[in-house]
């Protein structure tokens, strides 16, 4: 039997494939001086992945910031 997380990921992947197949109409996309025609589903997928990358970078930066602060706090409290 599949673990719940694997089953959920598989269902999400199937829904994503169906979405991309249903949204195959090509649209003109312009980004930073580049232009091209891509299917709507692909354009939205690229946008979502790009947004996820931005959120992941912000999360890593915040996590690192909190670790540095905790390390400084620990150093200051143990030094007294």
PDB file of N, CA and C in Angstrom:
ATOM      1  N   UNK A   1       0.841  -1.188   0.000  1.00  0.00           N
ATOM      2  CA  UNK A   1       0.000   0.000   0.000  1.00  0.00           C
ATOM      3  C   UNK A   1       0.887   1.253   0.000  1.00  0.00           C
ATOM      4  N   UNK A   2       0.482   2.295  -0.743  1.00  0.00           N
ATOM      5  CA  UNK A   2       1.251   3.528  -0.848  1.00  0.00           C
ATOM      6  C   UNK A   2       1.081   4.384   0.404  1.00  0.00           C
ATOM      7  N   UNK A   3       2.177   5.003   0.861  1.00  0.00           N
ATOM      8  CA  UNK A   3       2.025   5.970   1.956  1.00  0.00           C
ATOM      9  C   UNK A   3       1.141   7.129   1.509  1.00  0.00           C
ATOM     10  N   UNK A   4       0.524   7.801   2.454  1.00  0.00           N
ATOM     11  CA  UNK A   4      -0.416   8.874   2.131  1.00  0.00           C
ATOM     12  C   UNK A   4       0.240  10.012   1.362  1.00  0.00           C
ATOM     13  N   UNK A   5       1.469  10.369   1.709  1.00  0.00           N
ATOM     14  CA  UNK A   5       2.143  11.468   1.017  1.00  0.00           C
ATOM     15  C   UNK A   5       2.412  11.106  -0.435  1.00  0.00           C
ATOM     16  N   UNK A   6       2.790   9.874  -0.688  1.00  0.00           N
ATOM     17  CA  UNK A   6       3.056   9.422  -2.056  1.00  0.00           C
ATOM     18  C   UNK A   6       1.766   9.404  -2.864  1.00  0.00           C
ATOM     19  N   UNK A   7       0.687   8.933  -2.266  1.00  0.00           N
ATOM     20  CA  UNK A   7      -0.598   8.898  -2.954  1.00  0.00           C
ATOM     21  C   UNK A   7      -1.082  10.307  -3.276  1.00  0.00           C
ATOM     22  N   UNK A   8      -0.897  11.227  -2.340  1.00  0.00           N
ATOM     23  CA  UNK A   8      -1.312  12.611  -2.577  1.00  0.00           C
ATOM     24  C   UNK A   8      -0.479  13.248  -3.684  1.00  0.00           C
ATOM     25  N   UNK A   9       0.822  12.978  -3.694  1.00  0.00           N
ATOM     26  CA  UNK A   9       1.697  13.517  -4.734  1.00  0.00           C
ATOM     27  C   UNK A   9       1.332  12.943  -6.095  1.00  0.00           C
ATOM     28  N   UNK A  10       1.002  11.664  -6.142  1.00  0.00           N
ATOM     29  CA  UNK A  10       0.597  11.024  -7.384  1.00  0.00           C
ATOM     30  C   UNK A  10      -0.707  11.614  -7.909  1.00  0.00           C
ATOM     31  N   UNK A  11      -1.662  11.842  -7.036  1.00  0.00           N
ATOM     32  CA  UNK A  11      -2.932  12.454  -7.424  1.00  0.00           C
ATOM     33  C   UNK A  11      -2.706  13.877  -7.942  1.00  0.00           C
ATOM     34  N   UNK A  12      -1.856  14.634  -7.269  1.00  0.00           N
ATOM     35  CA  UNK A  12      -1.539  15.993  -7.698  1.00  0.00           C
ATOM     36  C   UNK A  12      -0.873  15.994  -9.072  1.00  0.00           C
ATOM     37  N   UNK A  13       0.018  15.052  -9.309  1.00  0.00           N
ATOM     38  CA  UNK A  13       0.680  14.934 -10.605  1.00  0.00           C
ATOM     39  C   UNK A  13      -0.324  14.604 -11.711  1.00  0.00           C
ATOM     40  N   UNK A  14      -1.258  13.719 -11.439  1.00  0.00           N
ATOM     41  CA  UNK A  14      -2.283  13.368 -12.428  1.00  0.00           C
ATOM     42  C   UNK A  14      -3.150  14.590 -12.739  1.00  0.00           C
ATOM     43  N   UNK A  15      -3.537  15.328 -11.702  1.00  0.00           N
ATOM     44  CA  UNK A  15      -4.333  16.545 -11.913  1.00  0.00           C
ATOM     45  C   UNK A  15      -3.556  17.584 -12.713  1.00  0.00           C
ATOM     46  N   UNK A  16      -2.261  17.699 -12.466  1.00  0.00           N
ATOM     47  CA  UNK A  16      -1.422  18.634 -13.208  1.00  0.00           C
ATOM     48  C   UNK A  16      -1.341  18.244 -14.675  1.00  0.00           C
ATOM     49  N   UNK A  17      -1.195  16.964 -14.954  1.00  0.00           N
ATOM     50  CA  UNK A  17      -1.147  16.490 -16.345  1.00  0.00           C
ATOM     51  C   UNK A  17      -2.466  16.773 -17.050  1.00  0.00           C
ATOM     52  N   UNK A  18      -3.580  16.508 -16.388  1.00  0.00           N
ATOM     53  CA  UNK A  18      -4.898  16.781 -16.976  1.00  0.00           C
ATOM     54  C   UNK A  18      -5.053  18.270 -17.248  1.00  0.00           C
ATOM     55  N   UNK A  19      -4.629  19.111 -16.295  1.00  0.00           N
ATOM     56  CA  UNK A  19      -4.710  20.559 -16.475  1.00  0.00           C
ATOM     57  C   UNK A  19      -3.900  20.997 -17.691  1.00  0.00           C
ATOM     58  N   UNK A  20      -2.690  20.491 -17.831  1.00  0.00           N
ATOM     59  CA  UNK A  20      -1.829  20.884 -18.942  1.00  0.00           C
ATOM     60  C   UNK A  20      -2.398  20.411 -20.282  1.00  0.00           C
ATOM     61  N   UNK A  21      -3.005  19.234 -20.294  1.00  0.00           N
ATOM     62  CA  UNK A  21      -3.603  18.735 -21.539  1.00  0.00           C
ATOM     63  C   UNK A  21      -4.831  19.545 -21.934  1.00  0.00           C
ATOM     64  N   UNK A  22      -5.609  19.995 -20.956  1.00  0.00           N
ATOM     65  CA  UNK A  22      -6.813  20.760 -21.249  1.00  0.00           C
ATOM     66  C   UNK A  22      -6.506  22.212 -21.614  1.00  0.00           C
ATOM     67  N   UNK A  23      -5.322  22.696 -21.249  1.00  0.00           N
ATOM     68  CA  UNK A  23      -4.945  24.077 -21.521  1.00  0.00           C
ATOM     69  C   UNK A  23      -3.747  24.115 -22.467  1.00  0.00           C
ATOM     70  N   UNK A  24      -3.951  23.567 -23.647  1.00  0.00           N
ATOM     71  CA  UNK A  24      -2.852  23.469 -24.607  1.00  0.00           C
ATOM     72  C   UNK A  24      -2.876  24.579 -25.662  1.00  0.00           C
ATOM     73  N   UNK A  25      -3.793  25.523 -25.530  1.00  0.00           N
ATOM     74  CA  UNK A  25      -3.848  26.648 -26.462  1.00  0.00           C
ATOM     75  C   UNK A  25      -2.594  27.495 -26.290  1.00  0.00           C
ATOM     76  N   UNK A  26      -1.954  27.834 -27.386  1.00  0.00           N
ATOM     77  CA  UNK A  26      -0.725  28.622 -27.320  1.00  0.00           C
ATOM     78  C   UNK A  26      -1.039  30.100 -27.095  1.00  0.00           C
ATOM     79  N   UNK A  27      -0.222  30.725 -26.271  1.00  0.00           N
ATOM     80  CA  UNK A  27      -0.331  32.156 -25.999  1.00  0.00           C
ATOM     81  C   UNK A  27       1.041  32.788 -26.190  1.00  0.00           C
ATOM     82  N   UNK A  28       1.032  34.081 -26.480  1.00  0.00           N
ATOM     83  CA  UNK A  28       2.269  34.831 -26.643  1.00  0.00           C
ATOM     84  C   UNK A  28       2.729  35.300 -25.256  1.00  0.00           C
ATOM     85  N   UNK A  29       3.977  34.988 -24.915  1.00  0.00           N
ATOM     86  CA  UNK A  29       4.523  35.351 -23.613  1.00  0.00           C
ATOM     87  C   UNK A  29       5.734  36.252 -23.827  1.00  0.00           C
ATOM     88  N   UNK A  30       5.773  37.374 -23.090  1.00  0.00           N
ATOM     89  CA  UNK A  30       6.903  38.308 -23.140  1.00  0.00           C
ATOM     90  C   UNK A  30       7.504  38.392 -21.744  1.00  0.00           C
ATOM     91  N   UNK A  31       8.821  38.212 -21.667  1.00  0.00           N
ATOM     92  CA  UNK A  31       9.498  38.276 -20.371  1.00  0.00           C
ATOM     93  C   UNK A  31      10.925  38.759 -20.572  1.00  0.00           C
ATOM     94  N   UNK A  32      11.252  39.875 -19.959  1.00  0.00           N
ATOM     95  CA  UNK A  32      12.594  40.457 -20.001  1.00  0.00           C
ATOM     96  C   UNK A  32      13.139  40.591 -21.420  1.00  0.00           C
ATOM     97  N   UNK A  33      12.313  41.071 -22.302  1.00  0.00           N
ATOM     98  CA  UNK A  33      12.740  41.282 -23.680  1.00  0.00           C
ATOM     99  C   UNK A  33      12.646  40.059 -24.563  1.00  0.00           C
ATOM    100  N   UNK A  34      12.352  38.912 -23.997  1.00  0.00           N
ATOM    101  CA  UNK A  34      12.183  37.694 -24.788  1.00  0.00           C
ATOM    102  C   UNK A  34      10.704  37.499 -25.081  1.00  0.00           C
ATOM    103  N   UNK A  35      10.420  36.873 -26.207  1.00  0.00           N
ATOM    104  CA  UNK A  35       9.027  36.606 -26.562  1.00  0.00           C
ATOM    105  C   UNK A  35       8.939  35.222 -27.189  1.00  0.00           C
ATOM    106  N   UNK A  36       7.805  34.577 -26.973  1.00  0.00           N
ATOM    107  CA  UNK A  36       7.599  33.260 -27.560  1.00  0.00           C
ATOM    108  C   UNK A  36       6.182  32.795 -27.335  1.00  0.00           C
ATOM    109  N   UNK A  37       5.799  31.786 -28.083  1.00  0.00           N
ATOM    110  CA  UNK A  37       4.470  31.206 -27.946  1.00  0.00           C
ATOM    111  C   UNK A  37       4.594  29.860 -27.239  1.00  0.00           C
ATOM    112  N   UNK A  38       3.907  29.724 -26.114  1.00  0.00           N
ATOM    113  CA  UNK A  38       3.905  28.476 -25.349  1.00  0.00           C
ATOM    114  C   UNK A  38       2.472  28.150 -24.950  1.00  0.00           C
ATOM    115  N   UNK A  39       2.184  26.874 -24.691  1.00  0.00           N
ATOM    116  CA  UNK A  39       0.846  26.517 -24.208  1.00  0.00           C
ATOM    117  C   UNK A  39       0.559  27.176 -22.852  1.00  0.00           C
ATOM    118  N   UNK A  40      -0.691  27.513 -22.612  1.00  0.00           N
ATOM    119  CA  UNK A  40      -1.097  28.169 -21.369  1.00  0.00           C
ATOM    120  C   UNK A  40      -0.679  27.344 -20.155  1.00  0.00           C
ATOM    121  N   UNK A  41      -0.909  26.044 -20.209  1.00  0.00           N
ATOM    122  CA  UNK A  41      -0.567  25.174 -19.082  1.00  0.00           C
ATOM    123  C   UNK A  41       0.912  25.220 -18.755  1.00  0.00           C
ATOM    124  N   UNK A  42       1.746  25.238 -19.766  1.00  0.00           N
ATOM    125  CA  UNK A  42       3.193  25.293 -19.558  1.00  0.00           C
ATOM    126  C   UNK A  42       3.590  26.651 -18.974  1.00  0.00           C
ATOM    127  N   UNK A  43       3.009  27.724 -19.486  1.00  0.00           N
ATOM    128  CA  UNK A  43       3.315  29.063 -18.976  1.00  0.00           C
ATOM    129  C   UNK A  43       2.942  29.178 -17.498  1.00  0.00           C
ATOM    130  N   UNK A  44       1.786  28.655 -17.122  1.00  0.00           N
ATOM    131  CA  UNK A  44       1.368  28.702 -15.721  1.00  0.00           C
ATOM    132  C   UNK A  44       2.249  27.815 -14.848  1.00  0.00           C
ATOM    133  N   UNK A  45       2.652  26.671 -15.363  1.00  0.00           N
ATOM    134  CA  UNK A  45       3.542  25.784 -14.615  1.00  0.00           C
ATOM    135  C   UNK A  45       4.882  26.462 -14.366  1.00  0.00           C
ATOM    136  N   UNK A  46       5.433  27.106 -15.383  1.00  0.00           N
ATOM    137  CA  UNK A  46       6.707  27.813 -15.229  1.00  0.00           C
ATOM    138  C   UNK A  46       6.564  28.935 -14.199  1.00  0.00           C
ATOM    139  N   UNK A  47       5.454  29.652 -14.250  1.00  0.00           N
ATOM    140  CA  UNK A  47       5.213  30.710 -13.275  1.00  0.00           C
ATOM    141  C   UNK A  47       5.103  30.171 -11.857  1.00  0.00           C
ATOM    142  N   UNK A  48       4.413  29.052 -11.701  1.00  0.00           N
ATOM    143  CA  UNK A  48       4.253  28.452 -10.372  1.00  0.00           C
ATOM    144  C   UNK A  48       5.584  27.953  -9.830  1.00  0.00           C
ATOM    145  N   UNK A  49       6.374  27.312 -10.673  1.00  0.00           N
ATOM    146  CA  UNK A  49       7.684  26.828 -10.240  1.00  0.00           C
ATOM    147  C   UNK A  49       8.582  28.014  -9.880  1.00  0.00           C
ATOM    148  N   UNK A  50       8.536  29.070 -10.692  1.00  0.00           N
ATOM    149  CA  UNK A  50       9.317  30.267 -10.374  1.00  0.00           C
ATOM    150  C   UNK A  50       8.914  30.872  -9.044  1.00  0.00           C
ATOM    151  N   UNK A  51       7.621  30.932  -8.782  1.00  0.00           N
ATOM    152  CA  UNK A  51       7.137  31.439  -7.497  1.00  0.00           C
ATOM    153  C   UNK A  51       7.573  30.560  -6.340  1.00  0.00           C
ATOM    154  N   UNK A  52       7.543  29.254  -6.544  1.00  0.00           N
ATOM    155  CA  UNK A  52       8.001  28.327  -5.504  1.00  0.00           C
ATOM    156  C   UNK A  52       9.473  28.501  -5.194  1.00  0.00           C
ATOM    157  N   UNK A  53      10.268  28.747  -6.231  1.00  0.00           N
ATOM    158  CA  UNK A  53      11.702  28.978  -6.025  1.00  0.00           C
ATOM    159  C   UNK A  53      11.931  30.246  -5.213  1.00  0.00           C
ATOM    160  N   UNK A  54      11.187  31.303  -5.523  1.00  0.00           N
ATOM    161  CA  UNK A  54      11.315  32.565  -4.782  1.00  0.00           C
ATOM    162  C   UNK A  54      10.943  32.353  -3.312  1.00  0.00           C
ATOM    163  N   UNK A  55       9.861  31.634  -3.053  1.00  0.00           N
ATOM    164  CA  UNK A  55       9.432  31.363  -1.678  1.00  0.00           C
ATOM    165  C   UNK A  55      10.471  30.505  -0.955  1.00  0.00           C
ATOM    166  N   UNK A  56      11.033  29.512  -1.645  1.00  0.00           N
ATOM    167  CA  UNK A  56      12.051  28.658  -1.028  1.00  0.00           C
ATOM    168  C   UNK A  56      13.297  29.462  -0.668  1.00  0.00           C
ATOM    169  N   UNK A  57      13.717  30.359  -1.542  1.00  0.00           N
ATOM    170  CA  UNK A  57      14.888  31.194  -1.256  1.00  0.00           C
ATOM    171  C   UNK A  57      14.625  32.082  -0.048  1.00  0.00           C
ATOM    172  N   UNK A  58      13.439  32.679   0.014  1.00  0.00           N
ATOM    173  CA  UNK A  58      13.090  33.525   1.164  1.00  0.00           C
ATOM    174  C   UNK A  58      13.044  32.696   2.448  1.00  0.00           C
ATOM    175  N   UNK A  59      12.527  31.488   2.369  1.00  0.00           N
ATOM    176  CA  UNK A  59      12.469  30.615   3.544  1.00  0.00           C
ATOM    177  C   UNK A  59      13.844  30.218   4.038  1.00  0.00           C
ATOM    178  N   UNK A  60      14.735  29.878   3.125  1.00  0.00           N
ATOM    179  CA  UNK A  60      16.103  29.515   3.509  1.00  0.00           C
ATOM    180  C   UNK A  60      16.807  30.715   4.141  1.00  0.00           C
ATOM    181  N   UNK A  61      16.605  31.906   3.564  1.00  0.00           N
ATOM    182  CA  UNK A  61      17.226  33.109   4.125  1.00  0.00           C
ATOM    183  C   UNK A  61      16.722  33.361   5.541  1.00  0.00           C
ATOM    184  N   UNK A  62      15.433  33.235   5.756  1.00  0.00           N
ATOM    185  CA  UNK A  62      14.855  33.469   7.092  1.00  0.00           C
ATOM    186  C   UNK A  62      15.330  32.413   8.083  1.00  0.00           C
ATOM    187  N   UNK A  63      15.381  31.165   7.662  1.00  0.00           N
ATOM    188  CA  UNK A  63      15.834  30.075   8.521  1.00  0.00           C
ATOM    189  C   UNK A  63      17.283  30.309   8.931  1.00  0.00           C
ATOM    190  N   UNK A  64      18.110  30.716   7.981  1.00  0.00           N
ATOM    191  CA  UNK A  64      19.513  31.002   8.269  1.00  0.00           C
ATOM    192  C   UNK A  64      19.630  32.170   9.234  1.00  0.00           C
ATOM    193  N   UNK A  65      18.819  33.201   9.025  1.00  0.00           N
ATOM    194  CA  UNK A  65      18.822  34.361   9.907  1.00  0.00           C
ATOM    195  C   UNK A  65      18.464  33.952  11.338  1.00  0.00           C
ATOM    196  N   UNK A  66      17.467  33.100  11.501  1.00  0.00           N
ATOM    197  CA  UNK A  66      17.053  32.657  12.836  1.00  0.00           C
ATOM    198  C   UNK A  66      18.126  31.787  13.498  1.00  0.00           C
ATOM    199  N   UNK A  67      18.806  30.956  12.702  1.00  0.00           N
ATOM    200  CA  UNK A  67      19.878  30.118  13.264  1.00  0.00           C
ATOM    201  C   UNK A  67      21.033  30.975  13.762  1.00  0.00           C
ATOM    202  N   UNK A  68      21.392  31.992  12.996  1.00  0.00           N
ATOM    203  CA  UNK A  68      22.477  32.884  13.417  1.00  0.00           C
ATOM    204  C   UNK A  68      22.088  33.606  14.704  1.00  0.00           C
ATOM    205  N   UNK A  69      20.853  34.077  14.771  1.00  0.00           N
ATOM    206  CA  UNK A  69      20.386  34.773  15.974  1.00  0.00           C
ATOM    207  C   UNK A  69      20.383  33.839  17.177  1.00  0.00           C
ATOM    208  N   UNK A  70      19.932  32.601  16.995  1.00  0.00           N
ATOM    209  CA  UNK A  70      19.915  31.636  18.095  1.00  0.00           C
ATOM    210  C   UNK A  70      21.330  31.311  18.551  1.00  0.00           C
ATOM    211  N   UNK A  71      22.259  31.194  17.621  1.00  0.00           N
ATOM    212  CA  UNK A  71      23.651  30.913  17.973  1.00  0.00           C
ATOM    213  C   UNK A  71      24.245  32.070  18.776  1.00  0.00           C
ATOM    214  N   UNK A  72      23.963  33.301  18.358  1.00  0.00           N
ATOM    215  CA  UNK A  72      24.459  34.473  19.094  1.00  0.00           C
ATOM    216  C   UNK A  72      23.852  34.531  20.500  1.00  0.00           C
ATOM    217  N   UNK A  73      22.562  34.238  20.594  1.00  0.00           N
ATOM    218  CA  UNK A  73      21.889  34.264  21.881  1.00  0.00           C
ATOM    219  C   UNK A  73      22.482  33.203  22.802  1.00  0.00           C
ATOM    220  N   UNK A  74      22.720  32.017  22.279  1.00  0.00           N
ATOM    221  CA  UNK A  74      23.307  30.937  23.068  1.00  0.00           C
ATOM    222  C   UNK A  74      24.708  31.310  23.556  1.00  0.00           C
ATOM    223  N   UNK A  75      25.480  31.914  22.650  1.00  0.00           N
ATOM    224  CA  UNK A  75      26.844  32.310  23.000  1.00  0.00           C
ATOM    225  C   UNK A  75      26.843  33.373  24.091  1.00  0.00           C
ATOM    226  N   UNK A  76      25.897  34.310  24.000  1.00  0.00           N
ATOM    227  CA  UNK A  76      25.814  35.386  25.001  1.00  0.00           C
ATOM    228  C   UNK A  76      25.332  34.890  26.360  1.00  0.00           C
ATOM    229  N   UNK A  77      24.417  33.932  26.384  1.00  0.00           N
ATOM    230  CA  UNK A  77      23.884  33.452  27.664  1.00  0.00           C
ATOM    231  C   UNK A  77      24.844  32.475  28.335  1.00  0.00           C
ATOM    232  N   UNK A  78      25.599  31.712  27.597  1.00  0.00           N
ATOM    233  CA  UNK A  78      26.545  30.768  28.213  1.00  0.00           C
ATOM    234  C   UNK A  78      27.837  31.450  28.630  1.00  0.00           C
ATOM    235  N   UNK A  79      28.123  32.614  28.056  1.00  0.00           N
ATOM    236  CA  UNK A  79      29.352  33.347  28.390  1.00  0.00           C
ATOM    237  C   UNK A  79      29.268  34.090  29.702  1.00  0.00           C
ATOM    238  N   UNK A  80      28.057  34.297  30.235  1.00  0.00           N
ATOM    239  CA  UNK A  80      27.891  35.076  31.485  1.00  0.00           C
ATOM    240  C   UNK A  80      28.084  34.245  32.704  1.00  0.00           C
TER     241      UNK A  80
END
